[in-house]
């Protein structure tokens, strides 16, 4: 049996990808949190529903980071 096609290899590869995606999300979240804390800004808005035009500083900043970085854009929100 080909080792690259085994279930174990597939699960290991998937978990490494999940770990990498998790690190991207953590780094983007920490960058956003640092920025908001540094500026003394609120993280949330009054209305964060899906149909709201403004979802709060944190979520908006995460979206902007995603627009500027393809790797972040693939794994956030």
PDB file of N, CA and C in Angstrom:
ATOM      1  N   UNK A   1       0.836  -1.181   0.000  1.00  0.00           N
ATOM      2  CA  UNK A   1       0.000   0.000   0.000  1.00  0.00           C
ATOM      3  C   UNK A   1       0.883   1.247   0.000  1.00  0.00           C
ATOM      4  N   UNK A   2       0.494   2.220  -0.765  1.00  0.00           N
ATOM      5  CA  UNK A   2       1.221   3.469  -0.857  1.00  0.00           C
ATOM      6  C   UNK A   2       1.010   4.286   0.418  1.00  0.00           C
ATOM      7  N   UNK A   3       2.098   4.662   1.074  1.00  0.00           N
ATOM      8  CA  UNK A   3       2.015   5.389   2.339  1.00  0.00           C
ATOM      9  C   UNK A   3       1.353   6.756   2.181  1.00  0.00           C
ATOM     10  N   UNK A   4       1.517   7.393   1.026  1.00  0.00           N
ATOM     11  CA  UNK A   4       0.935   8.715   0.817  1.00  0.00           C
ATOM     12  C   UNK A   4      -0.583   8.662   0.696  1.00  0.00           C
ATOM     13  N   UNK A   5      -1.128   7.485   0.399  1.00  0.00           N
ATOM     14  CA  UNK A   5      -2.565   7.340   0.238  1.00  0.00           C
ATOM     15  C   UNK A   5      -3.243   6.757   1.472  1.00  0.00           C
ATOM     16  N   UNK A   6      -2.500   6.449   2.506  1.00  0.00           N
ATOM     17  CA  UNK A   6      -3.088   5.828   3.686  1.00  0.00           C
ATOM     18  C   UNK A   6      -3.938   6.832   4.462  1.00  0.00           C
ATOM     19  N   UNK A   7      -4.869   6.312   5.238  1.00  0.00           N
ATOM     20  CA  UNK A   7      -5.750   7.151   6.051  1.00  0.00           C
ATOM     21  C   UNK A   7      -4.938   7.905   7.092  1.00  0.00           C
ATOM     22  N   UNK A   8      -3.984   7.231   7.688  1.00  0.00           N
ATOM     23  CA  UNK A   8      -3.149   7.866   8.708  1.00  0.00           C
ATOM     24  C   UNK A   8      -2.407   9.068   8.137  1.00  0.00           C
ATOM     25  N   UNK A   9      -1.851   8.922   6.951  1.00  0.00           N
ATOM     26  CA  UNK A   9      -1.129  10.032   6.315  1.00  0.00           C
ATOM     27  C   UNK A   9      -2.082  11.171   5.991  1.00  0.00           C
ATOM     28  N   UNK A  10      -3.278  10.832   5.560  1.00  0.00           N
ATOM     29  CA  UNK A  10      -4.279  11.852   5.241  1.00  0.00           C
ATOM     30  C   UNK A  10      -4.688  12.633   6.480  1.00  0.00           C
ATOM     31  N   UNK A  11      -4.922  11.939   7.579  1.00  0.00           N
ATOM     32  CA  UNK A  11      -5.306  12.601   8.831  1.00  0.00           C
ATOM     33  C   UNK A  11      -4.167  13.467   9.347  1.00  0.00           C
ATOM     34  N   UNK A  12      -2.965  12.964   9.269  1.00  0.00           N
ATOM     35  CA  UNK A  12      -1.805  13.732   9.742  1.00  0.00           C
ATOM     36  C   UNK A  12      -1.648  15.008   8.911  1.00  0.00           C
ATOM     37  N   UNK A  13      -1.807  14.887   7.597  1.00  0.00           N
ATOM     38  CA  UNK A  13      -1.686  16.039   6.717  1.00  0.00           C
ATOM     39  C   UNK A  13      -2.780  17.052   7.024  1.00  0.00           C
ATOM     40  N   UNK A  14      -3.997  16.571   7.245  1.00  0.00           N
ATOM     41  CA  UNK A  14      -5.117  17.460   7.533  1.00  0.00           C
ATOM     42  C   UNK A  14      -4.909  18.171   8.867  1.00  0.00           C
ATOM     43  N   UNK A  15      -4.426  17.463   9.853  1.00  0.00           N
ATOM     44  CA  UNK A  15      -4.240  18.097  11.152  1.00  0.00           C
ATOM     45  C   UNK A  15      -3.129  19.146  11.082  1.00  0.00           C
ATOM     46  N   UNK A  16      -2.100  18.917  10.265  1.00  0.00           N
ATOM     47  CA  UNK A  16      -1.063  19.934  10.098  1.00  0.00           C
ATOM     48  C   UNK A  16      -1.636  21.175   9.437  1.00  0.00           C
ATOM     49  N   UNK A  17      -2.542  20.984   8.482  1.00  0.00           N
ATOM     50  CA  UNK A  17      -3.179  22.114   7.821  1.00  0.00           C
ATOM     51  C   UNK A  17      -4.071  22.867   8.808  1.00  0.00           C
ATOM     52  N   UNK A  18      -4.795  22.138   9.643  1.00  0.00           N
ATOM     53  CA  UNK A  18      -5.635  22.777  10.657  1.00  0.00           C
ATOM     54  C   UNK A  18      -4.784  23.575  11.640  1.00  0.00           C
ATOM     55  N   UNK A  19      -3.631  23.022  12.025  1.00  0.00           N
ATOM     56  CA  UNK A  19      -2.727  23.737  12.926  1.00  0.00           C
ATOM     57  C   UNK A  19      -2.232  25.025  12.285  1.00  0.00           C
ATOM     58  N   UNK A  20      -1.870  24.957  11.016  1.00  0.00           N
ATOM     59  CA  UNK A  20      -1.384  26.138  10.308  1.00  0.00           C
ATOM     60  C   UNK A  20      -2.486  27.194  10.203  1.00  0.00           C
ATOM     61  N   UNK A  21      -3.709  26.769   9.883  1.00  0.00           N
ATOM     62  CA  UNK A  21      -4.838  27.704   9.808  1.00  0.00           C
ATOM     63  C   UNK A  21      -5.130  28.334  11.170  1.00  0.00           C
ATOM     64  N   UNK A  22      -5.023  27.533  12.224  1.00  0.00           N
ATOM     65  CA  UNK A  22      -5.239  28.030  13.579  1.00  0.00           C
ATOM     66  C   UNK A  22      -4.218  29.115  13.916  1.00  0.00           C
ATOM     67  N   UNK A  23      -2.960  28.885  13.563  1.00  0.00           N
ATOM     68  CA  UNK A  23      -1.927  29.880  13.836  1.00  0.00           C
ATOM     69  C   UNK A  23      -2.175  31.179  13.078  1.00  0.00           C
ATOM     70  N   UNK A  24      -2.648  31.083  11.851  1.00  0.00           N
ATOM     71  CA  UNK A  24      -2.966  32.281  11.069  1.00  0.00           C
ATOM     72  C   UNK A  24      -4.083  33.065  11.759  1.00  0.00           C
ATOM     73  N   UNK A  25      -5.139  32.347  12.208  1.00  0.00           N
ATOM     74  CA  UNK A  25      -6.249  33.017  12.891  1.00  0.00           C
ATOM     75  C   UNK A  25      -5.792  33.656  14.197  1.00  0.00           C
ATOM     76  N   UNK A  26      -4.961  32.952  14.953  1.00  0.00           N
ATOM     77  CA  UNK A  26      -4.465  33.490  16.225  1.00  0.00           C
ATOM     78  C   UNK A  26      -3.634  34.745  15.992  1.00  0.00           C
ATOM     79  N   UNK A  27      -2.724  34.698  15.011  1.00  0.00           N
ATOM     80  CA  UNK A  27      -1.869  35.861  14.740  1.00  0.00           C
ATOM     81  C   UNK A  27      -2.695  37.065  14.300  1.00  0.00           C
ATOM     82  N   UNK A  28      -3.699  36.848  13.450  1.00  0.00           N
ATOM     83  CA  UNK A  28      -4.563  37.945  13.003  1.00  0.00           C
ATOM     84  C   UNK A  28      -5.358  38.508  14.184  1.00  0.00           C
ATOM     85  N   UNK A  29      -5.859  37.635  15.047  1.00  0.00           N
ATOM     86  CA  UNK A  29      -6.626  38.085  16.212  1.00  0.00           C
ATOM     87  C   UNK A  29      -5.753  38.873  17.175  1.00  0.00           C
ATOM     88  N   UNK A  30      -4.553  38.386  17.427  1.00  0.00           N
ATOM     89  CA  UNK A  30      -3.646  39.090  18.333  1.00  0.00           C
ATOM     90  C   UNK A  30      -3.213  40.433  17.766  1.00  0.00           C
ATOM     91  N   UNK A  31      -2.954  40.491  16.474  1.00  0.00           N
ATOM     92  CA  UNK A  31      -2.586  41.751  15.837  1.00  0.00           C
ATOM     93  C   UNK A  31      -3.716  42.761  15.980  1.00  0.00           C
ATOM     94  N   UNK A  32      -4.945  42.311  15.740  1.00  0.00           N
ATOM     95  CA  UNK A  32      -6.101  43.191  15.870  1.00  0.00           C
ATOM     96  C   UNK A  32      -6.288  43.645  17.315  1.00  0.00           C
ATOM     97  N   UNK A  33      -6.169  42.711  18.251  1.00  0.00           N
ATOM     98  CA  UNK A  33      -6.336  43.043  19.664  1.00  0.00           C
ATOM     99  C   UNK A  33      -5.274  44.041  20.121  1.00  0.00           C
ATOM    100  N   UNK A  34      -4.017  43.840  19.716  1.00  0.00           N
ATOM    101  CA  UNK A  34      -2.951  44.776  20.080  1.00  0.00           C
ATOM    102  C   UNK A  34      -3.251  46.178  19.571  1.00  0.00           C
ATOM    103  N   UNK A  35      -3.704  46.256  18.325  1.00  0.00           N
ATOM    104  CA  UNK A  35      -4.006  47.551  17.729  1.00  0.00           C
ATOM    105  C   UNK A  35      -5.125  48.261  18.489  1.00  0.00           C
ATOM    106  N   UNK A  36      -6.194  47.523  18.770  1.00  0.00           N
ATOM    107  CA  UNK A  36      -7.328  48.127  19.464  1.00  0.00           C
ATOM    108  C   UNK A  36      -6.967  48.528  20.893  1.00  0.00           C
ATOM    109  N   UNK A  37      -6.208  47.702  21.586  1.00  0.00           N
ATOM    110  CA  UNK A  37      -5.773  48.033  22.948  1.00  0.00           C
ATOM    111  C   UNK A  37      -4.843  49.238  22.955  1.00  0.00           C
ATOM    112  N   UNK A  38      -3.938  49.281  21.998  1.00  0.00           N
ATOM    113  CA  UNK A  38      -2.988  50.381  21.899  1.00  0.00           C
ATOM    114  C   UNK A  38      -3.716  51.708  21.683  1.00  0.00           C
ATOM    115  N   UNK A  39      -4.777  51.677  20.885  1.00  0.00           N
ATOM    116  CA  UNK A  39      -5.537  52.885  20.607  1.00  0.00           C
ATOM    117  C   UNK A  39      -6.640  53.165  21.612  1.00  0.00           C
ATOM    118  N   UNK A  40      -6.838  52.256  22.568  1.00  0.00           N
ATOM    119  CA  UNK A  40      -7.899  52.437  23.550  1.00  0.00           C
ATOM    120  C   UNK A  40      -9.283  52.363  22.933  1.00  0.00           C
ATOM    121  N   UNK A  41      -9.425  51.534  21.908  1.00  0.00           N
ATOM    122  CA  UNK A  41     -10.694  51.427  21.182  1.00  0.00           C
ATOM    123  C   UNK A  41     -11.517  50.240  21.675  1.00  0.00           C
ATOM    124  N   UNK A  42     -12.818  50.358  21.533  1.00  0.00           N
ATOM    125  CA  UNK A  42     -13.722  49.262  21.906  1.00  0.00           C
ATOM    126  C   UNK A  42     -13.601  48.131  20.885  1.00  0.00           C
ATOM    127  N   UNK A  43     -13.796  46.905  21.330  1.00  0.00           N
ATOM    128  CA  UNK A  43     -13.735  45.748  20.440  1.00  0.00           C
ATOM    129  C   UNK A  43     -15.068  45.512  19.741  1.00  0.00           C
ATOM    130  N   UNK A  44     -16.151  45.836  20.404  1.00  0.00           N
ATOM    131  CA  UNK A  44     -17.475  45.495  19.895  1.00  0.00           C
ATOM    132  C   UNK A  44     -18.272  46.735  19.536  1.00  0.00           C
ATOM    133  N   UNK A  45     -19.328  46.507  18.762  1.00  0.00           N
ATOM    134  CA  UNK A  45     -20.273  47.570  18.413  1.00  0.00           C
ATOM    135  C   UNK A  45     -21.614  47.253  19.053  1.00  0.00           C
ATOM    136  N   UNK A  46     -22.565  48.148  18.906  1.00  0.00           N
ATOM    137  CA  UNK A  46     -23.884  47.923  19.489  1.00  0.00           C
ATOM    138  C   UNK A  46     -24.655  46.834  18.755  1.00  0.00           C
ATOM    139  N   UNK A  47     -24.459  46.750  17.440  1.00  0.00           N
ATOM    140  CA  UNK A  47     -25.202  45.782  16.629  1.00  0.00           C
ATOM    141  C   UNK A  47     -24.221  45.012  15.752  1.00  0.00           C
ATOM    142  N   UNK A  48     -23.978  43.751  16.092  1.00  0.00           N
ATOM    143  CA  UNK A  48     -23.036  42.922  15.335  1.00  0.00           C
ATOM    144  C   UNK A  48     -23.748  41.843  14.534  1.00  0.00           C
ATOM    145  N   UNK A  49     -25.016  42.038  14.239  1.00  0.00           N
ATOM    146  CA  UNK A  49     -25.762  41.034  13.481  1.00  0.00           C
ATOM    147  C   UNK A  49     -25.260  40.975  12.041  1.00  0.00           C
ATOM    148  N   UNK A  50     -25.627  39.909  11.341  1.00  0.00           N
ATOM    149  CA  UNK A  50     -25.165  39.705   9.968  1.00  0.00           C
ATOM    150  C   UNK A  50     -25.598  40.818   9.024  1.00  0.00           C
ATOM    151  N   UNK A  51     -26.756  41.401   9.264  1.00  0.00           N
ATOM    152  CA  UNK A  51     -27.240  42.440   8.362  1.00  0.00           C
ATOM    153  C   UNK A  51     -26.805  43.851   8.772  1.00  0.00           C
ATOM    154  N   UNK A  52     -26.035  43.968   9.835  1.00  0.00           N
ATOM    155  CA  UNK A  52     -25.538  45.265  10.278  1.00  0.00           C
ATOM    156  C   UNK A  52     -24.468  45.776   9.311  1.00  0.00           C
ATOM    157  N   UNK A  53     -24.456  47.085   9.086  1.00  0.00           N
ATOM    158  CA  UNK A  53     -23.450  47.659   8.183  1.00  0.00           C
ATOM    159  C   UNK A  53     -22.098  47.805   8.877  1.00  0.00           C
ATOM    160  N   UNK A  54     -22.079  47.859  10.206  1.00  0.00           N
ATOM    161  CA  UNK A  54     -20.817  47.965  10.958  1.00  0.00           C
ATOM    162  C   UNK A  54     -20.818  46.937  12.072  1.00  0.00           C
ATOM    163  N   UNK A  55     -19.870  46.044  12.055  1.00  0.00           N
ATOM    164  CA  UNK A  55     -19.864  44.911  12.978  1.00  0.00           C
ATOM    165  C   UNK A  55     -18.934  45.093  14.181  1.00  0.00           C
ATOM    166  N   UNK A  56     -18.373  46.254  14.353  1.00  0.00           N
ATOM    167  CA  UNK A  56     -17.484  46.499  15.480  1.00  0.00           C
ATOM    168  C   UNK A  56     -16.035  46.547  15.031  1.00  0.00           C
ATOM    169  N   UNK A  57     -15.225  47.201  15.841  1.00  0.00           N
ATOM    170  CA  UNK A  57     -13.824  47.422  15.476  1.00  0.00           C
ATOM    171  C   UNK A  57     -13.048  46.131  15.242  1.00  0.00           C
ATOM    172  N   UNK A  58     -13.218  45.150  16.115  1.00  0.00           N
ATOM    173  CA  UNK A  58     -12.438  43.917  16.000  1.00  0.00           C
ATOM    174  C   UNK A  58     -12.758  43.160  14.710  1.00  0.00           C
ATOM    175  N   UNK A  59     -14.037  42.912  14.461  1.00  0.00           N
ATOM    176  CA  UNK A  59     -14.421  42.161  13.260  1.00  0.00           C
ATOM    177  C   UNK A  59     -14.091  42.934  11.984  1.00  0.00           C
ATOM    178  N   UNK A  60     -14.281  44.240  12.003  1.00  0.00           N
ATOM    179  CA  UNK A  60     -13.945  45.044  10.831  1.00  0.00           C
ATOM    180  C   UNK A  60     -12.447  45.014  10.571  1.00  0.00           C
ATOM    181  N   UNK A  61     -11.647  45.098  11.626  1.00  0.00           N
ATOM    182  CA  UNK A  61     -10.197  45.058  11.467  1.00  0.00           C
ATOM    183  C   UNK A  61      -9.724  43.697  10.956  1.00  0.00           C
ATOM    184  N   UNK A  62     -10.331  42.621  11.434  1.00  0.00           N
ATOM    185  CA  UNK A  62     -10.010  41.280  10.938  1.00  0.00           C
ATOM    186  C   UNK A  62     -10.319  41.186   9.447  1.00  0.00           C
ATOM    187  N   UNK A  63     -11.455  41.738   9.037  1.00  0.00           N
ATOM    188  CA  UNK A  63     -11.809  41.721   7.612  1.00  0.00           C
ATOM    189  C   UNK A  63     -10.810  42.510   6.778  1.00  0.00           C
ATOM    190  N   UNK A  64     -10.353  43.647   7.279  1.00  0.00           N
ATOM    191  CA  UNK A  64      -9.363  44.453   6.559  1.00  0.00           C
ATOM    192  C   UNK A  64      -8.047  43.691   6.443  1.00  0.00           C
ATOM    193  N   UNK A  65      -7.644  43.030   7.508  1.00  0.00           N
ATOM    194  CA  UNK A  65      -6.429  42.213   7.437  1.00  0.00           C
ATOM    195  C   UNK A  65      -6.578  41.124   6.379  1.00  0.00           C
ATOM    196  N   UNK A  66      -7.760  40.544   6.285  1.00  0.00           N
ATOM    197  CA  UNK A  66      -8.026  39.522   5.280  1.00  0.00           C
ATOM    198  C   UNK A  66      -7.970  40.069   3.864  1.00  0.00           C
ATOM    199  N   UNK A  67      -8.399  41.309   3.676  1.00  0.00           N
ATOM    200  CA  UNK A  67      -8.343  41.925   2.348  1.00  0.00           C
ATOM    201  C   UNK A  67      -6.901  42.145   1.892  1.00  0.00           C
ATOM    202  N   UNK A  68      -6.026  42.384   2.852  1.00  0.00           N
ATOM    203  CA  UNK A  68      -4.635  42.685   2.530  1.00  0.00           C
ATOM    204  C   UNK A  68      -3.711  41.472   2.552  1.00  0.00           C
ATOM    205  N   UNK A  69      -4.203  40.351   3.034  1.00  0.00           N
ATOM    206  CA  UNK A  69      -3.368  39.164   3.134  1.00  0.00           C
ATOM    207  C   UNK A  69      -4.189  37.945   2.706  1.00  0.00           C
ATOM    208  N   UNK A  70      -3.822  37.328   1.616  1.00  0.00           N
ATOM    209  CA  UNK A  70      -4.576  36.198   1.060  1.00  0.00           C
ATOM    210  C   UNK A  70      -4.608  35.016   2.021  1.00  0.00           C
ATOM    211  N   UNK A  71      -3.534  34.775   2.741  1.00  0.00           N
ATOM    212  CA  UNK A  71      -3.467  33.655   3.682  1.00  0.00           C
ATOM    213  C   UNK A  71      -4.494  33.843   4.809  1.00  0.00           C
ATOM    214  N   UNK A  72      -4.602  35.059   5.311  1.00  0.00           N
ATOM    215  CA  UNK A  72      -5.584  35.347   6.348  1.00  0.00           C
ATOM    216  C   UNK A  72      -6.995  35.250   5.795  1.00  0.00           C
ATOM    217  N   UNK A  73      -7.183  35.758   4.590  1.00  0.00           N
ATOM    218  CA  UNK A  73      -8.509  35.764   3.968  1.00  0.00           C
ATOM    219  C   UNK A  73      -9.068  34.356   3.791  1.00  0.00           C
ATOM    220  N   UNK A  74      -8.202  33.376   3.550  1.00  0.00           N
ATOM    221  CA  UNK A  74      -8.662  32.001   3.325  1.00  0.00           C
ATOM    222  C   UNK A  74      -9.203  31.351   4.591  1.00  0.00           C
ATOM    223  N   UNK A  75      -8.744  31.767   5.779  1.00  0.00           N
ATOM    224  CA  UNK A  75      -9.094  31.035   6.994  1.00  0.00           C
ATOM    225  C   UNK A  75      -9.968  31.805   7.970  1.00  0.00           C
ATOM    226  N   UNK A  76     -10.207  33.098   7.733  1.00  0.00           N
ATOM    227  CA  UNK A  76     -11.019  33.840   8.699  1.00  0.00           C
ATOM    228  C   UNK A  76     -12.464  33.939   8.249  1.00  0.00           C
ATOM    229  N   UNK A  77     -13.303  34.158   9.205  1.00  0.00           N
ATOM    230  CA  UNK A  77     -14.736  34.429   9.006  1.00  0.00           C
ATOM    231  C   UNK A  77     -15.320  33.571   7.926  1.00  0.00           C
TER     232      UNK A  77
END
